[in-house]
Amino acid sequence: MGRTVKCKSLAARRTNDNLKHMNGRKARIGTFLSIGSPAVTELAAEAGFDWVLIDLEHGCESEAALPNQLRALRGSNILAIVRVSAPHADLIGRVLDWGADGIMVPHVDTPEQAEHCVNSAWYPPKGHRGVSRTVRAYGYGLRLPAGELPRPVILAQIETLQGVNNAKEIAAVGGIDALFIGPADLSYDLKARNAGETYDECVSAVSAAAAAHKKGTGILVRHADDKEKLKSLGFEWLAMDSDLSLVREGFRRNLAEGRSWAS
């Protein structure tokens, strides 16, 4: 019979090793994975990204497909962050039990919501996440945590004017690692509210709020020419587009080139 070994869990070892792997870098380069394919997830790891965001909010696959995407990253130095569809405590707990290194939570507008996210992701006494020794993160009971239980990475998405206005208080919440701007939602919210603040002003405000509390900042980058502006603001969690967008644009370019040959 096999015996239970007490050692660092998969989640703790991956998170610690992968964060060490990224230490010293001014930017952590990742990408969003929306297609839901383990092959694409594995390819992102092979390509050398520092982290990936597996998307359960707008992605094409269901929650049930997540474990196989996480398995595709096994043995790599890539950090697996999962964007949950909503800050439900049971969903956050399941995602982390399956072996995600951390979570991204959309539409965090208040410090109370940020506290809820932390409480859902952390074990007692800091939070109220349930403990199970038989989940994938602990080798289904074969790699029980030695000592302190693992601490997940938590990225809070700022996607509304309310979130921008509360960014300092959200950044002050212990357990929040970074404020991550959702460009599409934030732009839409400002337009829908006829806000006096511009998008660029909001980006700067979120960056300053995070820096004031020594927290990171991140954003989804759709245009490479935004690089210098984001670097000057200190952004470090940079998601370079998404798998779906990259495939779409690749198809369009190849089709256009093929059509030009046929004309």
Foldseek 3Di string as FASTA:
>chain_A
DDDADEEAFLLQVLLVQLVVVCPPPLAQEEAEAAALDLVVLLVRQVVPHSEYEDECQRHDDHPVSPLSNVVSCPPGSHAYEYEHNALDLVSLLQNVLSRHQAYEYEDPQALVSLQSSQQSNDPPPSHPHDDDLQGVRCVRNRHHYDPDHHQGAYEYEQQAPSNLVRLLSNLQDPSHAEYEYEVVRHQVRCVVVVHPDDPVNSVLSNLVSNVVSVHAYEYEDDDPVCVVVCVVSSHHHYHDYYPVVVVVVVVVVVVVVVVVVVD
